[in-house]
Each structure stands twice: as C-alpha cells, then as structure tokens.
N, C-alpha and C. Protein backbone atom coordinates (compact mmCIF):
# COMPACT_ATOMS: atom_id res chain seq x y z
N MET A 1 4.31 7.94 25.95
CA MET A 1 3.92 7.49 24.62
C MET A 1 4.77 6.27 24.21
N ASN A 2 4.09 5.29 23.64
CA ASN A 2 4.79 4.08 23.19
C ASN A 2 5.94 4.38 22.21
N LYS A 3 7.09 3.70 22.40
CA LYS A 3 8.28 3.96 21.63
C LYS A 3 8.03 3.80 20.09
N ASN A 4 7.28 2.73 19.70
CA ASN A 4 6.98 2.51 18.30
C ASN A 4 6.16 3.73 17.76
N ILE A 5 5.23 4.23 18.51
CA ILE A 5 4.40 5.32 18.03
C ILE A 5 5.26 6.53 17.85
N LYS A 6 6.19 6.80 18.76
CA LYS A 6 7.16 7.92 18.61
C LYS A 6 7.97 7.78 17.36
N ASN A 7 8.45 6.61 17.07
CA ASN A 7 9.24 6.30 15.81
C ASN A 7 8.43 6.56 14.61
N LEU A 8 7.17 6.15 14.66
CA LEU A 8 6.27 6.32 13.48
C LEU A 8 6.03 7.84 13.26
N ILE A 9 5.78 8.59 14.29
CA ILE A 9 5.62 10.09 14.13
C ILE A 9 6.86 10.68 13.61
N LEU A 10 8.06 10.31 14.12
CA LEU A 10 9.29 10.87 13.58
C LEU A 10 9.50 10.54 12.11
N SER A 11 9.17 9.27 11.75
CA SER A 11 9.37 8.80 10.35
C SER A 11 8.43 9.65 9.47
N LEU A 12 7.20 9.92 9.90
CA LEU A 12 6.24 10.61 9.12
C LEU A 12 6.74 12.08 8.93
N ILE A 13 7.27 12.65 9.98
CA ILE A 13 7.73 14.03 9.86
C ILE A 13 8.93 14.10 8.94
N VAL A 14 9.89 13.16 9.12
CA VAL A 14 11.10 13.15 8.27
C VAL A 14 10.62 12.95 6.79
N GLY A 15 9.76 12.05 6.52
CA GLY A 15 9.26 11.81 5.18
C GLY A 15 8.63 13.01 4.61
N PHE A 16 7.79 13.74 5.37
CA PHE A 16 7.11 14.95 4.90
C PHE A 16 8.13 15.99 4.58
N VAL A 17 9.11 16.21 5.40
CA VAL A 17 10.18 17.25 5.12
C VAL A 17 10.92 16.86 3.86
N ILE A 18 11.27 15.61 3.70
CA ILE A 18 12.01 15.18 2.52
C ILE A 18 11.20 15.37 1.26
N GLY A 19 9.88 15.15 1.35
CA GLY A 19 8.99 15.38 0.19
C GLY A 19 9.05 16.86 -0.20
N ILE A 20 8.99 17.73 0.76
CA ILE A 20 9.05 19.20 0.45
C ILE A 20 10.42 19.55 -0.16
N ILE A 21 11.49 19.05 0.41
CA ILE A 21 12.90 19.30 -0.02
C ILE A 21 13.01 18.85 -1.49
N THR A 22 12.44 17.62 -1.76
CA THR A 22 12.48 17.02 -3.14
C THR A 22 11.93 18.01 -4.12
N LEU A 23 10.76 18.58 -3.84
CA LEU A 23 10.16 19.53 -4.76
C LEU A 23 11.01 20.76 -4.93
N LEU A 24 11.53 21.30 -3.88
CA LEU A 24 12.39 22.54 -3.95
C LEU A 24 13.68 22.28 -4.77
N LEU A 25 14.22 21.07 -4.64
CA LEU A 25 15.54 20.78 -5.31
C LEU A 25 15.30 20.50 -6.83
N GLN A 26 14.12 20.08 -7.21
CA GLN A 26 13.90 19.79 -8.64
C GLN A 26 14.10 21.00 -9.52
N GLY A 27 13.89 22.17 -9.12
CA GLY A 27 14.12 23.43 -9.87
C GLY A 27 15.51 23.98 -9.76
N ILE A 28 16.33 23.30 -8.97
CA ILE A 28 17.69 23.88 -8.66
C ILE A 28 18.84 23.02 -9.26
N LEU A 29 18.70 21.69 -9.12
CA LEU A 29 19.75 20.79 -9.50
C LEU A 29 19.92 20.72 -11.02
N SER A 30 21.15 20.42 -11.45
CA SER A 30 21.43 20.26 -12.85
C SER A 30 20.83 18.83 -13.39
N VAL A 31 20.91 18.70 -14.63
CA VAL A 31 20.30 17.52 -15.29
C VAL A 31 20.91 16.20 -14.71
N ASN A 32 22.22 16.19 -14.45
CA ASN A 32 22.87 14.97 -13.97
C ASN A 32 22.78 14.80 -12.48
N LEU A 33 22.28 15.81 -11.78
CA LEU A 33 22.05 15.67 -10.30
C LEU A 33 20.55 15.64 -10.01
N ASN A 34 19.69 15.94 -10.99
CA ASN A 34 18.25 16.02 -10.75
C ASN A 34 17.65 14.76 -10.16
N PHE A 35 18.30 13.65 -10.50
CA PHE A 35 17.75 12.32 -9.97
C PHE A 35 17.69 12.32 -8.46
N LEU A 36 18.54 13.06 -7.80
CA LEU A 36 18.53 13.16 -6.37
C LEU A 36 17.18 13.70 -5.84
N ALA A 37 16.49 14.42 -6.70
CA ALA A 37 15.14 14.99 -6.24
C ALA A 37 14.06 14.43 -7.25
N ASN A 38 14.35 13.41 -7.97
CA ASN A 38 13.38 12.82 -8.91
C ASN A 38 13.48 11.36 -9.01
N SER A 39 13.65 10.71 -7.87
CA SER A 39 13.90 9.25 -7.95
C SER A 39 13.30 8.57 -6.72
N GLY A 40 12.52 7.54 -6.95
CA GLY A 40 11.96 6.82 -5.80
C GLY A 40 13.04 6.12 -5.02
N ALA A 41 14.16 5.86 -5.60
CA ALA A 41 15.32 5.15 -4.92
C ALA A 41 15.83 6.06 -3.80
N VAL A 42 15.85 7.39 -4.04
CA VAL A 42 16.36 8.33 -3.02
C VAL A 42 15.46 8.33 -1.79
N TRP A 43 14.12 8.26 -2.02
CA TRP A 43 13.17 8.27 -0.91
C TRP A 43 13.35 6.99 -0.08
N SER A 44 13.81 5.92 -0.68
CA SER A 44 13.91 4.67 0.08
C SER A 44 15.07 4.75 1.10
N VAL A 45 16.03 5.67 0.94
CA VAL A 45 17.14 5.77 1.87
C VAL A 45 16.76 6.13 3.24
N PRO A 46 16.09 7.23 3.44
CA PRO A 46 15.64 7.53 4.87
C PRO A 46 14.63 6.56 5.44
N ALA A 47 13.75 6.01 4.56
CA ALA A 47 12.74 5.03 5.03
C ALA A 47 13.45 3.83 5.56
N PHE A 48 14.38 3.32 4.81
CA PHE A 48 15.13 2.10 5.17
C PHE A 48 16.03 2.31 6.37
N LEU A 49 16.85 3.43 6.33
CA LEU A 49 17.82 3.65 7.42
C LEU A 49 17.15 3.92 8.76
N LEU A 50 16.03 4.69 8.68
CA LEU A 50 15.30 4.96 9.99
C LEU A 50 14.77 3.63 10.58
N THR A 51 14.14 2.84 9.69
CA THR A 51 13.55 1.58 10.17
C THR A 51 14.70 0.60 10.62
N PHE A 52 15.77 0.59 9.93
CA PHE A 52 16.96 -0.24 10.36
C PHE A 52 17.45 0.27 11.73
N HIS A 53 17.53 1.52 11.88
CA HIS A 53 18.08 2.10 13.12
C HIS A 53 17.13 1.78 14.32
N PHE A 54 15.83 1.83 14.11
CA PHE A 54 14.85 1.65 15.17
C PHE A 54 14.76 0.21 15.66
N LYS A 55 15.25 -0.71 14.84
CA LYS A 55 15.32 -2.20 15.22
C LYS A 55 13.87 -2.66 15.73
N MET A 56 12.90 -2.41 14.96
CA MET A 56 11.51 -2.81 15.29
C MET A 56 11.21 -4.26 14.92
N ASP A 57 10.11 -4.78 15.36
CA ASP A 57 9.73 -6.13 14.93
C ASP A 57 9.20 -6.06 13.49
N LYS A 58 8.87 -7.13 12.90
CA LYS A 58 8.48 -7.14 11.44
C LYS A 58 7.32 -6.25 11.17
N LYS A 59 6.26 -6.36 11.97
CA LYS A 59 5.02 -5.55 11.75
C LYS A 59 5.36 -4.10 11.74
N PHE A 60 5.97 -3.59 12.80
CA PHE A 60 6.25 -2.19 12.87
C PHE A 60 7.35 -1.72 11.97
N SER A 61 8.28 -2.64 11.54
CA SER A 61 9.22 -2.23 10.54
C SER A 61 8.59 -1.89 9.23
N ILE A 62 7.56 -2.79 8.80
CA ILE A 62 6.86 -2.49 7.62
C ILE A 62 6.01 -1.23 7.72
N ILE A 63 5.31 -1.05 8.91
CA ILE A 63 4.44 0.11 9.05
C ILE A 63 5.35 1.37 9.08
N ASN A 64 6.48 1.31 9.73
CA ASN A 64 7.35 2.51 9.82
C ASN A 64 7.87 2.88 8.48
N CYS A 65 8.30 1.93 7.65
CA CYS A 65 8.79 2.26 6.38
C CYS A 65 7.73 2.83 5.42
N MET A 66 6.51 2.21 5.51
CA MET A 66 5.39 2.80 4.75
C MET A 66 5.12 4.21 5.15
N THR A 67 5.11 4.46 6.49
CA THR A 67 4.84 5.74 7.01
C THR A 67 5.81 6.86 6.49
N CYS A 68 7.02 6.50 6.48
CA CYS A 68 8.03 7.46 5.95
C CYS A 68 7.83 7.78 4.51
N LEU A 69 7.62 6.70 3.71
CA LEU A 69 7.43 6.88 2.29
C LEU A 69 6.14 7.64 1.96
N LEU A 70 5.09 7.32 2.73
CA LEU A 70 3.80 8.15 2.53
C LEU A 70 4.05 9.57 2.94
N GLY A 71 4.86 9.85 3.95
CA GLY A 71 5.22 11.22 4.31
C GLY A 71 5.94 11.92 3.12
N CYS A 72 6.79 11.21 2.44
CA CYS A 72 7.51 11.74 1.28
C CYS A 72 6.49 12.09 0.18
N VAL A 73 5.60 11.19 -0.11
CA VAL A 73 4.62 11.36 -1.19
C VAL A 73 3.72 12.54 -0.86
N PHE A 74 3.12 12.54 0.33
CA PHE A 74 2.15 13.63 0.64
C PHE A 74 2.83 14.96 0.91
N GLY A 75 4.10 14.92 1.47
CA GLY A 75 4.81 16.13 1.59
C GLY A 75 5.05 16.81 0.31
N TYR A 76 5.44 15.96 -0.69
CA TYR A 76 5.75 16.49 -1.99
C TYR A 76 4.50 17.05 -2.68
N TYR A 77 3.39 16.29 -2.74
CA TYR A 77 2.26 16.70 -3.51
C TYR A 77 1.41 17.80 -2.80
N ILE A 78 1.39 17.80 -1.43
CA ILE A 78 0.66 18.76 -0.75
C ILE A 78 1.45 20.19 -0.90
N PHE A 79 2.79 20.13 -0.82
CA PHE A 79 3.55 21.37 -0.94
C PHE A 79 3.48 21.79 -2.40
N GLU A 80 3.45 20.84 -3.37
CA GLU A 80 3.36 21.23 -4.74
C GLU A 80 2.05 21.97 -5.06
N ALA A 81 0.96 21.54 -4.40
CA ALA A 81 -0.40 22.21 -4.53
C ALA A 81 -0.35 23.57 -3.95
N ILE A 82 0.28 23.69 -2.81
CA ILE A 82 0.44 25.03 -2.15
C ILE A 82 1.34 25.98 -3.00
N LYS A 83 2.47 25.48 -3.45
CA LYS A 83 3.42 26.27 -4.21
C LYS A 83 2.75 26.74 -5.52
N ASN A 84 1.95 25.90 -6.17
CA ASN A 84 1.36 26.30 -7.46
C ASN A 84 -0.11 26.74 -7.32
N SER A 85 -0.54 27.02 -6.13
CA SER A 85 -1.85 27.55 -5.82
C SER A 85 -3.00 26.80 -6.49
N HIS A 86 -3.05 25.52 -6.24
CA HIS A 86 -4.21 24.75 -6.70
C HIS A 86 -4.57 23.72 -5.62
N SER A 87 -5.78 23.12 -5.75
CA SER A 87 -6.19 22.24 -4.72
C SER A 87 -5.47 20.95 -4.74
N PHE A 88 -5.23 20.32 -3.58
CA PHE A 88 -4.64 19.02 -3.52
C PHE A 88 -5.77 17.95 -3.82
N ILE A 89 -5.62 17.19 -4.81
CA ILE A 89 -6.55 16.22 -5.23
C ILE A 89 -5.89 14.73 -5.17
N PHE A 90 -6.61 13.87 -4.51
CA PHE A 90 -6.12 12.52 -4.41
C PHE A 90 -6.43 11.74 -5.70
N GLU A 91 -5.61 11.88 -6.69
CA GLU A 91 -5.85 11.16 -7.94
C GLU A 91 -4.59 11.16 -8.75
N GLY A 92 -4.58 10.44 -9.85
CA GLY A 92 -3.46 10.33 -10.81
C GLY A 92 -2.18 9.94 -10.08
N TYR A 93 -1.17 10.77 -10.23
CA TYR A 93 0.20 10.41 -9.72
C TYR A 93 0.15 10.22 -8.17
N VAL A 94 -0.64 11.02 -7.51
CA VAL A 94 -0.75 10.84 -6.03
C VAL A 94 -1.21 9.41 -5.68
N VAL A 95 -2.22 8.93 -6.36
CA VAL A 95 -2.71 7.53 -6.14
C VAL A 95 -1.61 6.55 -6.47
N PHE A 96 -0.97 6.71 -7.59
CA PHE A 96 0.10 5.79 -8.05
C PHE A 96 1.20 5.70 -7.04
N TRP A 97 1.75 6.90 -6.68
CA TRP A 97 2.88 6.91 -5.68
C TRP A 97 2.52 6.44 -4.34
N THR A 98 1.24 6.62 -3.95
CA THR A 98 0.74 6.14 -2.62
C THR A 98 0.76 4.65 -2.66
N GLY A 99 0.32 4.04 -3.82
CA GLY A 99 0.39 2.58 -3.97
C GLY A 99 1.80 2.10 -3.91
N VAL A 100 2.74 2.80 -4.59
CA VAL A 100 4.12 2.42 -4.61
C VAL A 100 4.71 2.48 -3.15
N ALA A 101 4.25 3.49 -2.39
CA ALA A 101 4.77 3.65 -1.06
C ALA A 101 4.34 2.48 -0.17
N PHE A 102 3.17 1.95 -0.35
CA PHE A 102 2.72 0.83 0.40
C PHE A 102 3.57 -0.45 0.01
N VAL A 103 3.68 -0.67 -1.26
CA VAL A 103 4.42 -1.85 -1.72
C VAL A 103 5.89 -1.78 -1.34
N ALA A 104 6.53 -0.63 -1.67
CA ALA A 104 7.92 -0.46 -1.35
C ALA A 104 8.13 -0.41 0.17
N GLY A 105 7.21 0.13 0.90
CA GLY A 105 7.32 0.18 2.35
C GLY A 105 7.30 -1.29 2.99
N ALA A 106 6.48 -2.15 2.42
CA ALA A 106 6.46 -3.47 2.90
C ALA A 106 7.81 -4.23 2.58
N ILE A 107 8.28 -3.95 1.37
CA ILE A 107 9.53 -4.66 0.90
C ILE A 107 10.73 -4.08 1.71
N PHE A 108 10.90 -2.77 1.80
CA PHE A 108 12.02 -2.19 2.49
C PHE A 108 11.90 -2.32 4.01
N GLY A 109 10.66 -2.34 4.50
CA GLY A 109 10.42 -2.57 5.94
C GLY A 109 10.92 -3.92 6.35
N LEU A 110 10.48 -4.89 5.58
CA LEU A 110 10.98 -6.31 5.83
C LEU A 110 12.50 -6.35 5.66
N GLY A 111 13.02 -5.69 4.68
CA GLY A 111 14.46 -5.74 4.41
C GLY A 111 15.19 -5.16 5.61
N ALA A 112 14.73 -4.03 6.14
CA ALA A 112 15.44 -3.43 7.34
C ALA A 112 15.36 -4.36 8.54
N ASN A 113 14.18 -5.05 8.67
CA ASN A 113 14.08 -6.04 9.77
C ASN A 113 15.03 -7.17 9.56
N PHE A 114 15.10 -7.72 8.32
CA PHE A 114 16.00 -8.84 8.07
C PHE A 114 17.42 -8.45 8.25
N ALA A 115 17.77 -7.14 7.90
CA ALA A 115 19.16 -6.70 7.98
C ALA A 115 19.68 -6.72 9.43
N ASN A 116 18.75 -6.71 10.39
CA ASN A 116 19.09 -6.72 11.83
C ASN A 116 19.11 -8.16 12.41
N THR A 117 18.89 -9.23 11.55
CA THR A 117 18.87 -10.58 12.04
C THR A 117 20.30 -11.16 11.98
N LYS A 118 20.36 -12.40 12.44
CA LYS A 118 21.70 -13.07 12.45
C LYS A 118 22.26 -13.22 11.03
N ASN A 119 23.44 -13.66 10.96
CA ASN A 119 24.15 -13.79 9.69
C ASN A 119 23.66 -14.94 8.82
N ASN A 120 22.60 -14.71 8.05
CA ASN A 120 22.00 -15.77 7.25
C ASN A 120 21.57 -15.14 5.92
N TRP A 121 20.92 -15.86 5.06
CA TRP A 121 20.56 -15.35 3.69
C TRP A 121 19.56 -14.22 3.77
N LEU A 122 18.67 -14.24 4.79
CA LEU A 122 17.75 -13.10 4.95
C LEU A 122 18.45 -11.84 5.22
N LYS A 123 19.46 -11.91 6.09
CA LYS A 123 20.28 -10.72 6.41
C LYS A 123 20.92 -10.14 5.15
N TYR A 124 21.49 -11.04 4.31
CA TYR A 124 22.12 -10.64 3.07
C TYR A 124 21.12 -9.90 2.17
N CYS A 125 19.90 -10.53 2.08
CA CYS A 125 18.84 -9.89 1.22
C CYS A 125 18.40 -8.56 1.75
N GLY A 126 18.25 -8.47 3.09
CA GLY A 126 17.80 -7.23 3.65
C GLY A 126 18.78 -6.09 3.65
N ILE A 127 20.01 -6.37 3.95
CA ILE A 127 21.00 -5.31 4.03
C ILE A 127 21.42 -4.79 2.66
N ASN A 128 21.15 -5.58 1.60
CA ASN A 128 21.58 -5.19 0.24
C ASN A 128 20.43 -4.61 -0.58
N LEU A 129 19.24 -4.39 0.01
CA LEU A 129 18.10 -3.83 -0.72
C LEU A 129 18.41 -2.41 -1.15
N LEU A 130 19.01 -1.64 -0.24
CA LEU A 130 19.29 -0.24 -0.53
C LEU A 130 20.31 -0.03 -1.63
N PRO A 131 21.49 -0.76 -1.52
CA PRO A 131 22.43 -0.65 -2.66
C PRO A 131 21.82 -1.15 -4.00
N ALA A 132 21.07 -2.23 -3.88
CA ALA A 132 20.51 -2.86 -5.10
C ALA A 132 19.49 -1.94 -5.87
N VAL A 133 18.74 -1.18 -5.06
CA VAL A 133 17.74 -0.27 -5.73
C VAL A 133 18.41 0.79 -6.56
N PHE A 134 19.50 1.35 -6.13
CA PHE A 134 20.23 2.35 -6.93
C PHE A 134 20.87 1.71 -8.14
N ILE A 135 21.48 0.59 -7.91
CA ILE A 135 22.14 -0.12 -9.10
C ILE A 135 21.07 -0.52 -10.12
N SER A 136 19.93 -1.05 -9.60
CA SER A 136 18.86 -1.47 -10.49
C SER A 136 18.27 -0.34 -11.32
N GLU A 137 18.08 0.78 -10.66
CA GLU A 137 17.51 1.99 -11.41
C GLU A 137 18.49 2.46 -12.45
N GLY A 138 19.75 2.35 -12.09
CA GLY A 138 20.79 2.80 -13.07
C GLY A 138 20.86 1.85 -14.24
N LEU A 139 20.77 0.52 -13.95
CA LEU A 139 20.73 -0.48 -15.10
C LEU A 139 19.51 -0.33 -15.92
N SER A 140 18.37 -0.01 -15.30
CA SER A 140 17.15 0.16 -16.06
C SER A 140 17.29 1.32 -17.04
N HIS A 141 17.96 2.45 -16.58
CA HIS A 141 18.16 3.53 -17.51
C HIS A 141 19.10 3.19 -18.61
N LEU A 142 20.11 2.34 -18.30
CA LEU A 142 21.09 1.90 -19.33
C LEU A 142 20.33 1.08 -20.38
N ILE A 143 19.39 0.30 -19.99
CA ILE A 143 18.57 -0.48 -20.96
C ILE A 143 17.87 0.45 -21.96
N HIS A 144 17.45 1.60 -21.41
CA HIS A 144 16.77 2.60 -22.34
C HIS A 144 17.71 3.81 -22.52
N ILE A 145 18.93 3.57 -22.83
CA ILE A 145 20.00 4.70 -22.89
C ILE A 145 19.60 5.72 -23.93
N ASP A 146 18.84 5.24 -25.02
CA ASP A 146 18.49 6.16 -26.05
C ASP A 146 17.60 7.33 -25.52
N LEU A 147 16.79 6.97 -24.43
CA LEU A 147 15.97 8.00 -23.81
C LEU A 147 16.63 8.81 -22.72
N PHE A 148 17.78 8.23 -22.22
CA PHE A 148 18.49 8.90 -21.11
C PHE A 148 19.88 9.34 -21.45
N ILE A 149 20.14 9.47 -22.77
CA ILE A 149 21.50 9.83 -23.22
C ILE A 149 21.94 11.20 -22.71
N HIS A 150 20.98 12.07 -22.40
CA HIS A 150 21.30 13.39 -21.89
C HIS A 150 21.70 13.40 -20.44
N MET A 151 21.52 12.25 -19.77
CA MET A 151 21.85 12.15 -18.35
C MET A 151 22.71 10.94 -18.00
N VAL A 152 23.71 10.70 -18.85
CA VAL A 152 24.63 9.59 -18.60
C VAL A 152 25.35 9.77 -17.24
N GLY A 153 25.68 10.96 -16.91
CA GLY A 153 26.33 11.20 -15.64
C GLY A 153 25.49 10.76 -14.49
N ALA A 154 24.18 11.01 -14.54
CA ALA A 154 23.26 10.59 -13.46
C ALA A 154 23.12 9.08 -13.36
N ILE A 155 23.18 8.40 -14.53
CA ILE A 155 23.15 6.94 -14.51
C ILE A 155 24.39 6.37 -13.82
N VAL A 156 25.59 6.93 -14.16
CA VAL A 156 26.80 6.45 -13.51
C VAL A 156 26.77 6.76 -12.06
N LEU A 157 26.28 7.90 -11.63
CA LEU A 157 26.16 8.31 -10.22
C LEU A 157 25.31 7.36 -9.40
N LYS A 158 24.20 6.96 -10.05
CA LYS A 158 23.26 6.03 -9.32
C LYS A 158 23.95 4.70 -9.08
N ILE A 159 24.64 4.14 -10.07
CA ILE A 159 25.31 2.90 -9.89
C ILE A 159 26.44 3.04 -8.91
N LEU A 160 27.18 4.15 -8.97
CA LEU A 160 28.27 4.42 -8.00
C LEU A 160 27.70 4.53 -6.62
N ILE A 161 26.63 5.22 -6.43
CA ILE A 161 26.03 5.32 -5.05
C ILE A 161 25.69 3.96 -4.56
N GLY A 162 25.09 3.11 -5.45
CA GLY A 162 24.73 1.75 -5.00
C GLY A 162 25.94 0.94 -4.59
N LEU A 163 27.04 1.07 -5.36
CA LEU A 163 28.23 0.31 -5.01
C LEU A 163 28.83 0.82 -3.69
N ILE A 164 28.85 2.09 -3.46
CA ILE A 164 29.41 2.67 -2.21
C ILE A 164 28.52 2.22 -1.08
N LEU A 165 27.16 2.26 -1.23
CA LEU A 165 26.33 1.79 -0.13
C LEU A 165 26.56 0.33 0.16
N TYR A 166 26.80 -0.49 -0.91
CA TYR A 166 27.09 -1.95 -0.68
C TYR A 166 28.29 -2.13 0.27
N PHE A 167 29.40 -1.46 -0.06
CA PHE A 167 30.56 -1.62 0.68
C PHE A 167 30.52 -1.00 2.08
N VAL A 168 29.82 0.11 2.22
CA VAL A 168 29.63 0.73 3.55
C VAL A 168 28.74 -0.16 4.42
N MET A 169 27.70 -0.67 3.89
CA MET A 169 26.74 -1.41 4.71
C MET A 169 27.22 -2.87 5.06
N ASN A 170 28.03 -3.43 4.14
CA ASN A 170 28.44 -4.80 4.26
C ASN A 170 29.77 -4.98 4.96
N LYS A 171 30.62 -3.98 4.88
CA LYS A 171 31.90 -3.94 5.46
C LYS A 171 32.68 -5.20 5.21
N ASN A 172 33.01 -6.04 6.25
CA ASN A 172 33.82 -7.25 6.08
C ASN A 172 33.07 -8.35 5.33
N ASP A 173 31.79 -8.25 5.12
CA ASP A 173 31.00 -9.27 4.41
C ASP A 173 30.91 -9.03 2.91
N SER A 174 31.59 -7.88 2.48
CA SER A 174 31.37 -7.40 1.10
C SER A 174 31.75 -8.51 0.07
N PHE A 175 32.81 -9.33 0.37
CA PHE A 175 33.24 -10.26 -0.69
C PHE A 175 32.85 -11.70 -0.39
N LYS A 176 31.89 -11.88 0.56
CA LYS A 176 31.36 -13.22 0.79
C LYS A 176 30.58 -13.68 -0.38
N LYS A 177 30.76 -14.94 -0.81
CA LYS A 177 30.14 -15.45 -2.04
C LYS A 177 28.60 -15.38 -1.93
N LYS A 178 28.10 -15.80 -0.73
CA LYS A 178 26.66 -15.80 -0.56
C LYS A 178 26.06 -14.38 -0.68
N ASN A 179 26.84 -13.45 -0.07
CA ASN A 179 26.36 -12.09 -0.02
C ASN A 179 26.31 -11.50 -1.45
N LEU A 180 27.40 -11.79 -2.20
CA LEU A 180 27.45 -11.30 -3.61
C LEU A 180 26.36 -11.86 -4.42
N LEU A 181 26.10 -13.20 -4.17
CA LEU A 181 25.08 -13.92 -4.99
C LEU A 181 23.68 -13.37 -4.73
N PHE A 182 23.35 -13.21 -3.42
CA PHE A 182 21.96 -12.63 -3.13
C PHE A 182 21.88 -11.17 -3.63
N THR A 183 22.97 -10.43 -3.55
CA THR A 183 22.93 -9.06 -4.04
C THR A 183 22.61 -8.95 -5.50
N LEU A 184 23.26 -9.86 -6.27
CA LEU A 184 23.06 -9.98 -7.76
C LEU A 184 21.61 -10.32 -8.05
N LEU A 185 21.12 -11.24 -7.23
CA LEU A 185 19.67 -11.68 -7.46
C LEU A 185 18.73 -10.51 -7.19
N ILE A 186 18.94 -9.73 -6.14
CA ILE A 186 18.10 -8.61 -5.74
C ILE A 186 18.28 -7.54 -6.87
N ILE A 187 19.44 -7.31 -7.39
CA ILE A 187 19.61 -6.36 -8.45
C ILE A 187 18.85 -6.75 -9.71
N ALA A 188 18.86 -8.10 -9.97
CA ALA A 188 18.14 -8.56 -11.15
C ALA A 188 16.64 -8.29 -10.95
N LEU A 189 16.14 -8.68 -9.78
CA LEU A 189 14.75 -8.49 -9.51
C LEU A 189 14.31 -6.99 -9.50
N GLY A 190 15.22 -6.23 -8.95
CA GLY A 190 14.96 -4.75 -8.87
C GLY A 190 14.91 -4.11 -10.30
N THR A 191 15.79 -4.56 -11.19
CA THR A 191 15.86 -4.13 -12.56
C THR A 191 14.55 -4.51 -13.22
N ILE A 192 14.04 -5.72 -12.99
CA ILE A 192 12.75 -6.09 -13.60
C ILE A 192 11.62 -5.21 -13.03
N GLY A 193 11.71 -4.89 -11.76
CA GLY A 193 10.72 -4.03 -11.06
C GLY A 193 10.62 -2.63 -11.75
N PHE A 194 11.84 -2.11 -11.95
CA PHE A 194 11.93 -0.73 -12.59
C PHE A 194 11.36 -0.80 -13.99
N GLU A 195 11.63 -1.92 -14.68
CA GLU A 195 11.19 -2.04 -16.00
C GLU A 195 9.62 -2.07 -16.04
N ILE A 196 9.06 -2.71 -15.10
CA ILE A 196 7.63 -2.76 -14.99
C ILE A 196 7.07 -1.31 -14.72
N LEU A 197 7.72 -0.59 -13.83
CA LEU A 197 7.29 0.76 -13.57
C LEU A 197 7.46 1.68 -14.79
N PHE A 198 8.61 1.36 -15.52
CA PHE A 198 8.88 2.19 -16.68
C PHE A 198 7.76 2.09 -17.71
N HIS A 199 7.23 0.90 -17.84
CA HIS A 199 6.17 0.65 -18.87
C HIS A 199 4.81 0.92 -18.28
C-alpha cells in the first residue's frame, strides 16, 4: 500500500478516536479544564503534528490534515448519536464543523508542510500555527471576558499552552526577531478568525 495512503488511514483513525474521547471527557472535566474537550484548537494538535511528522508534499499535507480533522468531527458526532440513541444526521453543527475541518485542514496542512521547509518566513509561519491558535483562542475569550468570567483558569491555560508550544517547537529560534514578528502576525489573524467564528 502507498505510504501516503497508509498515513491518511492512520490520521483518520486517530482523528476518529480523538473525536470519541472528546465526547467522553466533556462530561468528566471541570469547568477550567473542559476546553480540552470542547475546543477546535485541541483537535488541531494531532492533525498538525501527524502531518508535520509524515513530511508529505503540499497536496498530501493538506489532505492528511483535513482527514484527521474530519475524523475528529465524525468520530464525535457519530459516537454522540450512538450514546444518546438517535440517528446521525448530516446537518446543523455537523455541517458547520465539517466545513471548518476543510478550511482548517488546508491551513494547518500547509503550515505543517511549511514547517518542514528551510529556514525562511514560510517556516516561521508554519511552525507557529499551533502555538498561535491556542493563544488566539485565549485572547478571543479575553475580549469577551464578561461571558467567560467563570472560566478564567481555562483562558490562562490556553495562552500558557500556546506559549509552551512556541518555545518547544522553536527551540533556538524562539527569540529571532523575524520569528517573533510572524508569530504575532499569525496570532492577530487567528484572533480575528476566532472572532468571526464567535459571531
């Protein structure tokens, strides 16, 4: 079997399992930890890291990331239908998050591909997508703090996770001016994106 096809199947399975785990954790985690099972940012972690690890070309990087995210979406909603004894219907939130999976898959798939390129601005943009998405979501919640005052701990944790990911993924490049500049740009764009989703 073609290596790319094997990677796609693995990504689909991983995504599906994560979707199921997400639903199970939603009823267990506390308010300040519930974001771990109720955030699109969390689903982007396995999708990005698997695609980054596989070192695929641009086309398959995008397809692989989309596949993992679609696995998360359908794993979640199919298991939710089974758990609550109702039919799985492709409408409403399922359609919305399927659309998000395609868009986010294209963005994070390209990002994972760029992160594996040489040391240039595309690499900086790619490798910092994952940290930026957590920081952006946290900042978006800060903008609407009146609605999220009950989960300040979660907001702080999201931003902290983003900062930790930044230093872990960038290592010696963490304090390069260009790297910091592009990271701030992505965070700004990400915050705008979350604001659009919020409304």
